[in-house]
Amino acid sequence: MRILVVDDDILIRKWLTMLLGQLPGENVTVAIAENGVKALKKIEGGFMPDLLITDIKMPQMDGLELCQRVKQRYPQVPVVILSAYEEFSFVRRALQLGALDYILKVDMRLDDISAVIEKAKQEQSRSASIDNARFRYAEGNYRLLEAYLKSDKTDDDAFLQRLDEGLTMDKLKLMMVRLDRSIDGELENLPRRTGPVNAVWIPYHDTVYIALMRIDVAGQEQQKEAVYCYLEDLRRIDSFTIQAWATVLNCDETGLNDAIETCRSVLEFKYYYGLENFGQVPYHESGERSPTAMMPTYKKFFEAADRYQVEEAADLLRRCLDALHRTCCHPADVEKHLSLMCHKLLADTAVIGVGAEGFNRALMQIQTISKADTSQSRRQALEEFISQYVLMLSSVKKKRSKAVTQALAYIDAHYAEKITLDQVAGCAFMNSTYMSELFKKEMGVTLNDYINNLRIIHACEYLRSSNLSIGQVAERCGFTDQNYFAKVFKKILGKTPSQYRNSFSS
């Protein structure tokens, strides 16, 4: 059992910790905090207690406020109050806020602790039964949506009727919200009907939820106003924060699946840029986007990268991101452009040779850039990649031995063919064993790893810019076995060739 003890008196914390450690037959992990603020930070940091024992009078945040916040955010956590006799009025208030019990400090004994532990277990068992029912509601709706999205999606009304008899396409409106946490266990308790809005909630992905709504007013402006009012009702719920939201009011015209995709795209856009509406930016729900690929900066970047102008390429990469954000390019497109440019620099590290460790570190940073879901986090991830890129290439020896230079030129010219160590050594008139040792010493990677890295970089270019099959890409990049190609590709890039190509599909 995980127990969090909160008290500003160090002696009380030590005494209670000692008593908890003496409980017979209990495996107890105890964490301590000096006040409510630090207690919440411990919980938010990952220590989710099975029982919270808190004093009432503490600096910064007292026990009453802590109890209220915990019961709002984590209603499954039992709270027990530590009390002095003269504080009984406070205890009564804590019990009204949802506290499970109280312990008197003056005669705190092992039996008292055992009693509240047992009471907490019973409460958790009861709460678990209720929570399971709540989670079943969320999971049931999610399974219906999942089945619909995997189907041919031709019968929207049939899906809606299975979800709720009151939903029909002719009156259907869609809202999608992103919250600061998952609320699957609370989904059934969200306000279903407020004014003219009647909503059915479905988990969509992580902390993103769909509300399928019937709005009993005519006129799009009146419907918008009803959605805004319903949204404000949601915002008054203290247990979560709405980070972004989007709506589609013409589901019957677009079809439900298209409405969901449009709503998801708009939601990603608004969350990425931290927007409340679209009046601030030149972006439209229809999917109109900035023609970033034709930007002069974009072209200059590739020219600088081809010349191995490290600092210039890094600066142009920053300027490209600035331009993408300034024109409010959709985050999916920002990811595509940045991924293309960063992989170009990754090819530099493979060709120049920075070692497997540096290559893999740069690759992981590119993946972090791709996964960033806000403009700020993407900018930070890009800066970390650029710093690593500049550091790696500036630390590489400026001069290579003539033999390794000849080997690099040979590999670059023949990467699409079968290459053997003897062939590479022969081009430099060198013994194959010595060539292998010299190459590893100067390049930091084995000859075979270097060739595979280079081939995968060229494969990425084909996957992004051509319609060749996976087998054809493998063959053009020097792989005679498609399965081996896929295995090497996933080892280097962390995804299969198909997954990589799909990430660049429109």
Protein backbone atom coordinates (compact mmCIF):
# COMPACT_ATOMS: atom_id res chain seq x y z
CA MET A 1 0.00 0.00 0.00
CA ARG A 2 1.28 3.47 -0.94
CA ILE A 3 0.60 6.09 1.73
CA LEU A 4 1.30 9.82 1.53
CA VAL A 5 1.73 11.59 4.88
CA VAL A 6 1.29 15.39 4.82
CA ASP A 7 2.15 17.47 7.91
CA ASP A 8 4.33 20.52 8.53
CA ASP A 9 5.52 19.05 11.86
CA ILE A 10 8.58 16.86 11.25
CA LEU A 11 8.02 14.96 14.50
CA ILE A 12 4.48 13.99 13.49
CA ARG A 13 5.76 12.86 10.07
CA LYS A 14 8.44 10.69 11.68
CA TRP A 15 6.08 9.27 14.32
CA LEU A 16 3.40 8.38 11.77
CA THR A 17 5.96 6.89 9.38
CA MET A 18 7.25 4.69 12.19
CA LEU A 19 3.73 3.51 13.09
CA LEU A 20 2.94 2.71 9.46
CA GLY A 21 6.10 0.64 9.26
CA GLN A 22 4.90 -1.47 12.19
CA LEU A 23 1.57 -2.50 10.67
CA PRO A 24 1.34 -6.32 10.82
CA GLY A 25 0.96 -8.07 7.48
CA GLU A 26 1.09 -4.81 5.46
CA ASN A 27 3.64 -3.98 2.76
CA VAL A 28 3.63 -0.19 3.12
CA THR A 29 5.50 2.44 1.06
CA VAL A 30 5.42 5.83 2.75
CA ALA A 31 6.06 9.24 1.12
CA ILE A 32 6.00 12.50 3.06
CA ALA A 33 5.24 16.14 2.25
CA GLU A 34 5.36 19.33 4.33
CA ASN A 35 2.18 20.92 2.94
CA GLY A 36 -0.60 20.56 0.39
CA VAL A 37 1.37 22.13 -2.46
CA LYS A 38 4.21 19.63 -2.13
CA ALA A 39 1.74 16.78 -1.69
CA LEU A 40 0.03 17.58 -5.00
CA LYS A 41 3.42 17.80 -6.72
CA LYS A 42 4.29 14.32 -5.45
CA ILE A 43 1.02 12.94 -6.79
CA GLU A 44 1.36 14.71 -10.14
CA GLY A 45 4.97 13.49 -10.27
CA GLY A 46 3.85 9.87 -10.22
CA PHE A 47 3.31 8.87 -6.56
CA MET A 48 -0.38 7.98 -6.65
CA PRO A 49 -1.27 7.04 -3.05
CA ASP A 50 -3.68 4.37 -1.95
CA LEU A 51 -4.24 6.52 1.15
CA LEU A 52 -3.57 10.20 1.93
CA ILE A 53 -3.16 11.20 5.60
CA THR A 54 -3.01 14.98 6.07
CA ASP A 55 -2.85 17.59 8.80
CA ILE A 56 -5.29 20.52 8.56
CA LYS A 57 -3.29 23.61 9.51
CA MET A 58 -0.28 23.91 7.16
CA PRO A 59 1.42 26.78 5.28
CA GLN A 60 0.86 27.47 1.54
CA MET A 61 -2.03 24.98 1.24
CA ASP A 62 -3.90 23.63 4.24
CA GLY A 63 -5.45 20.21 4.61
CA LEU A 64 -8.97 21.35 3.72
CA GLU A 65 -7.91 22.74 0.35
CA LEU A 66 -5.73 19.68 -0.26
CA CYS A 67 -8.66 17.39 0.51
CA GLN A 68 -10.92 19.33 -1.85
CA ARG A 69 -8.42 19.29 -4.73
CA VAL A 70 -7.55 15.62 -4.32
CA LYS A 71 -11.21 14.57 -4.26
CA GLN A 72 -11.86 16.67 -7.38
CA ARG A 73 -8.91 15.38 -9.38
CA TYR A 74 -8.39 11.92 -7.90
CA PRO A 75 -11.72 10.91 -6.34
CA GLN A 76 -10.51 7.30 -5.89
CA VAL A 77 -7.89 8.34 -3.29
CA PRO A 78 -9.13 7.98 0.33
CA VAL A 79 -8.23 10.97 2.54
CA VAL A 80 -7.80 10.75 6.32
CA ILE A 81 -7.46 13.88 8.47
CA LEU A 82 -4.97 14.34 11.33
CA SER A 83 -6.71 16.44 13.95
CA ALA A 84 -6.30 18.11 17.33
CA TYR A 85 -9.39 18.26 19.60
CA GLU A 86 -9.89 21.99 19.08
CA GLU A 87 -9.99 21.49 15.32
CA PHE A 88 -13.11 19.35 15.21
CA SER A 89 -15.08 21.98 13.28
CA PHE A 90 -12.42 21.72 10.59
CA VAL A 91 -12.69 17.95 10.63
CA ARG A 92 -16.44 18.21 10.05
CA ARG A 93 -15.76 20.41 7.02
CA ALA A 94 -13.18 17.92 5.73
CA LEU A 95 -15.69 15.07 6.06
CA GLN A 96 -18.17 17.15 4.06
CA LEU A 97 -15.50 17.52 1.36
CA GLY A 98 -15.15 13.76 1.11
CA ALA A 99 -12.56 12.79 3.74
CA LEU A 100 -12.86 9.17 4.81
CA ASP A 101 -12.05 9.50 8.54
CA TYR A 102 -9.87 11.34 11.04
CA ILE A 103 -7.16 10.46 13.57
CA LEU A 104 -6.59 12.44 16.78
CA LYS A 105 -2.95 13.43 17.12
CA VAL A 106 -2.96 13.37 20.92
CA ASP A 107 -3.55 9.63 21.20
CA MET A 108 -2.45 8.37 17.77
CA ARG A 109 -1.72 4.61 18.17
CA LEU A 110 -1.10 1.60 15.97
CA ASP A 111 -4.71 0.42 16.41
CA ASP A 112 -6.00 3.77 15.08
CA ILE A 113 -3.76 3.45 12.03
CA SER A 114 -4.85 -0.16 11.41
CA ALA A 115 -8.52 0.86 11.60
CA VAL A 116 -8.21 3.63 8.98
CA ILE A 117 -6.13 1.34 6.74
CA GLU A 118 -8.88 -1.26 6.81
CA LYS A 119 -11.52 1.40 6.18
CA ALA A 120 -9.49 2.72 3.24
CA LYS A 121 -9.29 -0.78 1.74
CA GLN A 122 -13.05 -1.20 1.99
CA GLU A 123 -13.61 2.20 0.40
CA GLN A 124 -11.20 1.39 -2.44
CA SER A 125 -12.95 -1.91 -3.07
CA ARG A 126 -16.31 -0.12 -3.27
CA SER A 127 -14.89 2.66 -5.47
CA ALA A 128 -13.23 0.11 -7.76
CA SER A 129 -16.59 -1.51 -8.43
CA ILE A 130 -18.11 1.87 -9.32
CA ASP A 131 -15.07 2.89 -11.40
CA ASN A 132 -15.18 -0.38 -13.35
CA ALA A 133 -18.75 0.40 -14.35
CA ARG A 134 -17.73 3.92 -15.36
CA PHE A 135 -14.78 2.67 -17.40
CA ARG A 136 -17.01 0.07 -19.06
CA TYR A 137 -19.22 2.92 -20.30
CA ALA A 138 -16.23 4.72 -21.83
CA GLU A 139 -14.77 1.51 -23.27
CA GLY A 140 -18.11 0.48 -24.75
CA ASN A 141 -18.44 3.76 -26.64
CA TYR A 142 -14.80 3.58 -27.74
CA ARG A 143 -15.24 0.05 -29.10
CA LEU A 144 -18.28 1.14 -31.11
CA LEU A 145 -16.30 4.05 -32.59
CA GLU A 146 -13.30 1.82 -33.28
CA ALA A 147 -15.47 -0.70 -35.14
CA TYR A 148 -17.07 2.12 -37.14
CA LEU A 149 -13.71 3.62 -38.16
CA LYS A 150 -12.48 0.19 -39.29
CA SER A 151 -15.63 -0.47 -41.33
CA ASP A 152 -16.50 0.88 -44.77
CA LYS A 153 -18.19 3.81 -42.95
CA THR A 154 -21.14 3.81 -45.34
CA ASP A 155 -23.89 3.54 -42.76
CA ASP A 156 -23.44 6.43 -40.34
CA ASP A 157 -26.98 6.22 -38.98
CA ALA A 158 -26.57 2.56 -38.02
CA PHE A 159 -23.47 3.43 -35.96
CA LEU A 160 -25.26 6.35 -34.31
CA GLN A 161 -28.27 4.22 -33.39
CA ARG A 162 -26.02 1.62 -31.77
CA LEU A 163 -24.37 4.43 -29.81
CA ASP A 164 -27.57 6.24 -28.80
CA GLU A 165 -31.11 6.11 -30.17
CA GLY A 166 -31.44 9.90 -30.05
CA LEU A 167 -28.60 10.54 -32.55
CA THR A 168 -29.29 10.89 -36.28
CA MET A 169 -27.15 12.32 -39.08
CA ASP A 170 -29.66 15.00 -40.06
CA LYS A 171 -29.21 16.75 -36.70
CA LEU A 172 -25.71 15.62 -35.78
CA LYS A 173 -23.05 18.12 -34.66
CA LEU A 174 -19.53 17.18 -33.64
CA MET A 175 -17.19 18.60 -31.02
CA MET A 176 -13.72 17.32 -30.19
CA VAL A 177 -11.81 18.42 -27.08
CA ARG A 178 -8.31 17.83 -25.78
CA LEU A 179 -8.02 17.72 -21.99
CA ASP A 180 -5.07 17.90 -19.63
CA ARG A 181 -5.68 14.31 -18.48
CA SER A 182 -7.70 11.18 -19.19
CA ILE A 183 -11.24 11.17 -17.76
CA ASP A 184 -12.47 7.78 -18.97
CA GLY A 185 -13.69 6.94 -15.47
CA GLU A 186 -15.71 10.18 -15.28
CA LEU A 187 -17.06 10.23 -18.82
CA GLU A 188 -20.53 9.00 -17.91
CA ASN A 189 -20.88 11.87 -15.42
CA LEU A 190 -20.18 14.67 -17.91
CA PRO A 191 -23.20 16.93 -18.46
CA ARG A 192 -25.16 15.19 -21.17
CA ARG A 193 -27.88 17.75 -21.65
CA THR A 194 -27.43 21.50 -21.15
CA GLY A 195 -30.03 23.78 -22.67
CA PRO A 196 -30.66 22.72 -26.27
CA VAL A 197 -27.53 20.50 -26.42
CA ASN A 198 -27.75 16.74 -25.93
CA ALA A 199 -24.32 15.04 -26.11
CA VAL A 200 -22.87 11.52 -26.12
CA TRP A 201 -19.18 11.32 -25.20
CA ILE A 202 -16.60 8.91 -26.68
CA PRO A 203 -12.87 8.50 -25.95
CA TYR A 204 -10.93 9.08 -29.19
CA HIS A 205 -7.20 9.06 -28.43
CA ASP A 206 -5.26 9.57 -25.20
CA THR A 207 -6.76 12.76 -23.72
CA VAL A 208 -8.86 13.62 -26.81
CA TYR A 209 -12.64 13.06 -26.62
CA ILE A 210 -15.49 13.31 -29.10
CA ALA A 211 -18.91 14.71 -28.25
CA LEU A 212 -21.62 13.74 -30.74
CA MET A 213 -24.37 16.29 -30.21
CA ARG A 214 -27.98 16.92 -31.12
CA ILE A 215 -28.79 20.64 -30.86
CA ASP A 216 -32.48 21.50 -30.75
CA VAL A 217 -32.29 25.00 -32.27
CA ALA A 218 -32.43 26.13 -35.89
CA GLY A 219 -29.86 28.35 -37.60
CA GLN A 220 -26.09 27.89 -37.58
CA GLU A 221 -25.40 31.00 -35.48
CA GLN A 222 -27.80 29.81 -32.79
CA GLN A 223 -26.20 26.36 -32.94
CA LYS A 224 -22.73 27.90 -32.52
CA GLU A 225 -23.96 29.84 -29.51
CA ALA A 226 -25.40 26.64 -28.00
CA VAL A 227 -22.04 24.86 -28.48
CA TYR A 228 -20.17 27.75 -26.83
CA CYS A 229 -22.55 27.67 -23.85
CA TYR A 230 -22.11 23.92 -23.51
CA LEU A 231 -18.33 24.38 -23.74
CA GLU A 232 -18.43 26.93 -20.92
CA ASP A 233 -20.37 24.46 -18.79
CA LEU A 234 -17.59 21.94 -19.37
CA ARG A 235 -14.95 24.49 -18.46
CA ARG A 236 -16.57 25.02 -15.08
CA ILE A 237 -15.83 21.41 -14.14
CA ASP A 238 -12.79 21.63 -11.85
CA SER A 239 -11.42 18.12 -12.36
CA PHE A 240 -9.93 18.80 -15.80
CA THR A 241 -8.81 21.62 -18.09
CA ILE A 242 -9.80 21.99 -21.75
CA GLN A 243 -6.59 22.60 -23.68
CA ALA A 244 -8.13 22.88 -27.16
CA TRP A 245 -11.46 22.27 -28.88
CA ALA A 246 -12.92 22.15 -32.39
CA THR A 247 -16.39 21.72 -33.88
CA VAL A 248 -18.04 20.63 -37.13
CA LEU A 249 -21.67 21.66 -37.45
CA ASN A 250 -22.42 20.20 -40.90
CA CYS A 251 -21.81 16.48 -40.32
CA ASP A 252 -24.81 15.53 -42.49
CA GLU A 253 -23.15 17.23 -45.50
CA THR A 254 -19.63 15.88 -45.04
CA GLY A 255 -20.35 12.45 -43.57
CA LEU A 256 -19.35 11.45 -40.06
CA ASN A 257 -15.91 10.03 -40.89
CA ASP A 258 -14.85 13.15 -42.83
CA ALA A 259 -16.22 15.33 -40.04
CA ILE A 260 -14.11 13.46 -37.49
CA GLU A 261 -10.98 13.84 -39.64
CA THR A 262 -11.63 17.55 -40.18
CA CYS A 263 -12.26 18.07 -36.48
CA ARG A 264 -9.11 16.18 -35.53
CA SER A 265 -7.01 18.24 -37.96
CA VAL A 266 -8.42 21.51 -36.65
CA LEU A 267 -7.94 20.39 -33.04
CA GLU A 268 -4.28 19.56 -33.69
CA PHE A 269 -3.81 22.94 -35.36
CA LYS A 270 -5.41 24.92 -32.54
CA TYR A 271 -3.55 23.06 -29.80
CA TYR A 272 -0.22 23.32 -31.64
CA TYR A 273 -0.47 27.09 -31.96
CA GLY A 274 -2.40 27.65 -28.72
CA LEU A 275 -5.37 29.26 -30.48
CA GLU A 276 -8.96 29.87 -29.43
CA ASN A 277 -10.19 30.57 -32.95
CA PHE A 278 -9.06 30.92 -36.56
CA GLY A 279 -9.46 34.67 -36.81
CA GLN A 280 -5.80 35.11 -35.93
CA VAL A 281 -4.30 33.02 -38.74
CA PRO A 282 -4.49 32.43 -42.53
CA TYR A 283 -5.68 28.83 -42.17
CA HIS A 284 -8.99 27.29 -43.19
CA GLU A 285 -10.80 24.15 -42.11
CA SER A 286 -10.96 23.07 -45.75
CA GLY A 287 -7.25 22.24 -45.56
CA GLU A 288 -5.72 25.22 -47.36
CA ARG A 289 -2.07 25.38 -46.36
CA SER A 290 1.01 27.50 -46.95
CA PRO A 291 3.17 26.60 -50.03
CA THR A 292 6.28 26.21 -47.89
CA ALA A 293 8.13 23.84 -50.21
CA MET A 294 8.77 26.71 -52.66
CA MET A 295 10.28 29.05 -50.08
CA PRO A 296 13.74 30.37 -51.09
CA THR A 297 15.04 29.53 -47.60
CA TYR A 298 13.98 25.94 -48.11
CA LYS A 299 15.99 25.70 -51.32
CA LYS A 300 19.04 27.42 -49.80
CA PHE A 301 19.02 24.94 -46.95
CA PHE A 302 19.47 21.95 -49.26
CA GLU A 303 22.20 23.74 -51.18
CA ALA A 304 24.08 24.44 -47.94
CA ALA A 305 23.62 20.84 -46.76
CA ASP A 306 24.96 19.51 -50.06
CA ARG A 307 28.12 21.63 -49.54
CA TYR A 308 28.42 20.43 -45.90
CA GLN A 309 28.17 24.03 -44.70
CA VAL A 310 27.25 23.02 -41.17
CA GLU A 311 26.56 26.39 -39.54
CA GLU A 312 24.77 27.80 -42.57
CA ALA A 313 22.54 24.73 -42.94
CA ALA A 314 21.69 24.84 -39.23
CA ASP A 315 20.77 28.53 -39.40
CA LEU A 316 18.64 27.99 -42.50
CA LEU A 317 16.86 25.11 -40.77
CA ARG A 318 15.91 27.46 -37.92
CA ARG A 319 14.70 30.06 -40.42
CA CYS A 320 12.59 27.43 -42.19
CA LEU A 321 10.85 26.56 -38.94
CA ASP A 322 10.26 30.27 -38.28
CA ALA A 323 8.68 30.60 -41.74
CA LEU A 324 6.53 27.51 -41.22
CA HIS A 325 5.24 28.90 -37.93
CA ARG A 326 4.87 32.44 -39.22
CA THR A 327 2.58 31.25 -42.01
CA CYS A 328 0.80 28.94 -39.53
CA CYS A 329 1.47 25.84 -41.56
CA HIS A 330 -0.49 22.87 -40.28
CA PRO A 331 1.53 20.86 -37.69
CA ALA A 332 1.34 17.75 -39.87
CA ASP A 333 3.02 19.69 -42.67
CA VAL A 334 5.54 21.24 -40.29
CA GLU A 335 6.51 17.70 -39.30
CA LYS A 336 6.90 16.60 -42.92
CA HIS A 337 9.13 19.51 -43.89
CA LEU A 338 11.27 19.30 -40.76
CA SER A 339 11.60 15.53 -41.06
CA LEU A 340 12.78 15.91 -44.66
CA MET A 341 15.37 18.54 -43.71
CA CYS A 342 16.59 16.79 -40.58
CA HIS A 343 17.02 13.51 -42.44
CA LYS A 344 19.09 15.40 -45.00
CA LEU A 345 21.43 16.42 -42.16
CA LEU A 346 21.30 12.88 -40.83
CA ALA A 347 22.62 11.75 -44.20
CA ASP A 348 25.57 14.11 -43.65
CA THR A 349 26.39 12.36 -40.39
CA ALA A 350 26.24 8.99 -42.14
CA VAL A 351 28.43 10.11 -45.04
CA ILE A 352 31.00 12.02 -42.98
CA GLY A 353 31.00 9.41 -40.24
CA VAL A 354 30.29 10.33 -36.64
CA GLY A 355 29.99 6.87 -35.17
CA ALA A 356 26.98 4.72 -34.39
CA GLU A 357 26.34 6.39 -31.03
CA GLY A 358 26.19 9.90 -32.51
CA PHE A 359 24.06 8.73 -35.43
CA ASN A 360 21.54 7.01 -33.16
CA ARG A 361 21.39 10.02 -30.83
CA ALA A 362 20.65 12.32 -33.76
CA LEU A 363 18.01 9.89 -35.01
CA MET A 364 16.28 9.85 -31.60
CA GLN A 365 16.24 13.65 -31.59
CA ILE A 366 14.58 13.67 -35.02
CA GLN A 367 11.91 11.34 -33.66
CA THR A 368 11.37 13.73 -30.74
CA ILE A 369 10.91 16.58 -33.23
CA SER A 370 8.33 14.55 -35.12
CA LYS A 371 6.35 13.70 -31.98
CA ALA A 372 6.29 17.27 -30.61
CA ASP A 373 2.67 18.45 -30.34
CA THR A 374 3.18 22.18 -29.69
CA SER A 375 5.14 24.82 -31.57
CA GLN A 376 7.26 25.52 -28.48
CA SER A 377 8.18 21.87 -27.83
CA ARG A 378 9.02 21.37 -31.51
CA ARG A 379 11.28 24.42 -31.54
CA GLN A 380 13.07 23.19 -28.43
CA ALA A 381 13.52 19.69 -29.88
CA LEU A 382 14.87 21.17 -33.12
CA GLU A 383 17.40 23.30 -31.22
CA GLU A 384 18.63 20.19 -29.38
CA PHE A 385 19.03 18.35 -32.69
CA ILE A 386 20.88 21.27 -34.29
CA SER A 387 23.23 21.57 -31.32
CA GLN A 388 23.99 17.87 -31.52
CA TYR A 389 24.44 18.05 -35.30
CA VAL A 390 26.86 20.99 -35.18
CA LEU A 391 28.78 19.42 -32.29
CA MET A 392 29.10 16.06 -34.04
CA LEU A 393 30.26 17.40 -37.36
CA SER A 394 32.63 19.96 -35.87
CA SER A 395 34.28 17.19 -33.82
CA VAL A 396 34.87 14.95 -36.83
CA LYS A 397 38.42 15.00 -38.12
CA LYS A 398 38.76 17.42 -41.04
CA LYS A 399 41.22 15.16 -42.86
CA ARG A 400 40.83 11.51 -43.67
CA SER A 401 43.50 9.16 -44.82
CA LYS A 402 43.70 8.82 -48.59
CA ALA A 403 42.62 5.19 -48.32
CA VAL A 404 39.42 5.93 -46.37
CA THR A 405 38.62 8.90 -48.64
CA GLN A 406 38.87 6.58 -51.65
CA ALA A 407 36.73 4.01 -49.86
CA LEU A 408 34.02 6.62 -49.15
CA ALA A 409 33.99 7.70 -52.80
CA TYR A 410 33.69 4.09 -53.95
CA ILE A 411 30.82 3.34 -51.57
CA ASP A 412 28.98 6.52 -52.55
CA ALA A 413 29.21 5.55 -56.22
CA HIS A 414 28.27 1.88 -55.75
CA TYR A 415 25.89 1.80 -52.74
CA ALA A 416 23.07 0.46 -54.96
CA GLU A 417 25.19 -2.55 -55.92
CA LYS A 418 26.56 -5.46 -53.95
CA ILE A 419 29.66 -4.22 -52.12
CA THR A 420 32.26 -6.45 -50.48
CA LEU A 421 35.11 -5.55 -48.17
CA ASP A 422 37.58 -6.82 -50.75
CA GLN A 423 36.15 -4.44 -53.36
CA VAL A 424 36.39 -1.44 -51.02
CA ALA A 425 39.94 -2.38 -49.97
CA GLY A 426 40.91 -3.00 -53.60
CA CYS A 427 39.92 0.51 -54.68
CA ALA A 428 42.50 1.85 -52.22
CA PHE A 429 45.08 -0.87 -53.01
CA MET A 430 44.95 -2.06 -49.40
CA ASN A 431 44.69 -5.31 -47.47
CA SER A 432 41.03 -5.99 -46.55
CA THR A 433 41.75 -6.62 -42.85
CA TYR A 434 43.69 -3.39 -42.50
CA MET A 435 41.00 -1.47 -44.44
CA SER A 436 38.35 -2.77 -42.04
CA GLU A 437 40.35 -1.66 -38.99
CA LEU A 438 41.29 1.71 -40.49
CA PHE A 439 37.73 2.47 -41.58
CA LYS A 440 36.33 1.69 -38.12
CA LYS A 441 39.03 3.82 -36.48
CA GLU A 442 38.49 6.89 -38.68
CA MET A 443 34.75 6.68 -39.29
CA GLY A 444 33.64 5.39 -35.90
CA VAL A 445 31.41 2.71 -37.44
CA THR A 446 32.05 -0.58 -39.16
CA LEU A 447 32.15 -0.63 -42.94
CA ASN A 448 28.94 -2.68 -43.09
CA ASP A 449 27.06 -0.33 -40.73
CA TYR A 450 28.20 2.68 -42.74
CA ILE A 451 26.98 1.13 -45.99
CA ASN A 452 23.62 0.24 -44.43
CA ASN A 453 23.22 3.75 -42.99
CA LEU A 454 23.90 5.31 -46.38
CA ARG A 455 21.52 2.93 -48.14
CA ILE A 456 18.73 3.65 -45.66
CA ILE A 457 19.19 7.41 -46.13
CA HIS A 458 18.75 6.95 -49.91
CA ALA A 459 15.77 4.63 -49.25
CA CYS A 460 14.15 7.43 -47.26
CA GLU A 461 14.42 9.70 -50.31
CA TYR A 462 12.67 7.12 -52.51
CA LEU A 463 9.96 6.46 -49.93
CA ARG A 464 9.23 10.18 -49.58
CA SER A 465 9.35 11.18 -53.23
CA SER A 466 8.38 8.16 -55.36
CA ASN A 467 5.63 5.59 -55.80
CA LEU A 468 8.05 2.66 -56.00
CA SER A 469 7.06 -0.44 -54.07
CA ILE A 470 8.97 -1.36 -50.92
CA GLY A 471 10.68 -4.16 -52.82
CA GLN A 472 11.71 -1.82 -55.63
CA VAL A 473 13.11 0.70 -53.12
CA ALA A 474 15.09 -2.06 -51.42
CA GLU A 475 16.54 -3.21 -54.74
CA ARG A 476 17.50 0.31 -55.84
CA CYS A 477 19.33 0.86 -52.57
CA GLY A 478 21.43 -2.31 -52.75
CA PHE A 479 19.32 -4.72 -50.69
CA THR A 480 18.64 -8.06 -52.38
CA ASP A 481 16.30 -9.24 -49.61
CA GLN A 482 13.22 -7.12 -48.84
CA ASN A 483 12.80 -8.63 -45.38
CA TYR A 484 16.41 -7.83 -44.49
CA PHE A 485 15.89 -4.30 -45.82
CA ALA A 486 12.85 -3.85 -43.57
CA LYS A 487 14.78 -5.21 -40.57
CA VAL A 488 17.73 -2.83 -41.13
CA PHE A 489 15.38 0.09 -41.81
CA LYS A 490 13.49 -0.42 -38.55
CA LYS A 491 16.72 -0.86 -36.59
CA ILE A 492 18.06 2.48 -37.86
CA LEU A 493 14.87 4.59 -38.02
CA GLY A 494 12.69 2.91 -35.43
CA LYS A 495 9.82 2.26 -37.88
CA THR A 496 9.12 0.05 -40.88
CA PRO A 497 9.47 1.39 -44.46
CA SER A 498 5.66 1.42 -44.79
CA GLN A 499 5.23 3.37 -41.55
CA TYR A 500 7.86 5.84 -42.67
CA ARG A 501 6.18 6.34 -46.05
CA ASN A 502 2.74 6.70 -44.47
CA SER A 503 4.03 9.48 -42.23
CA PHE A 504 4.62 11.50 -45.41
CA SER A 505 1.30 10.72 -47.10
CA SER A 506 -1.10 13.61 -47.39
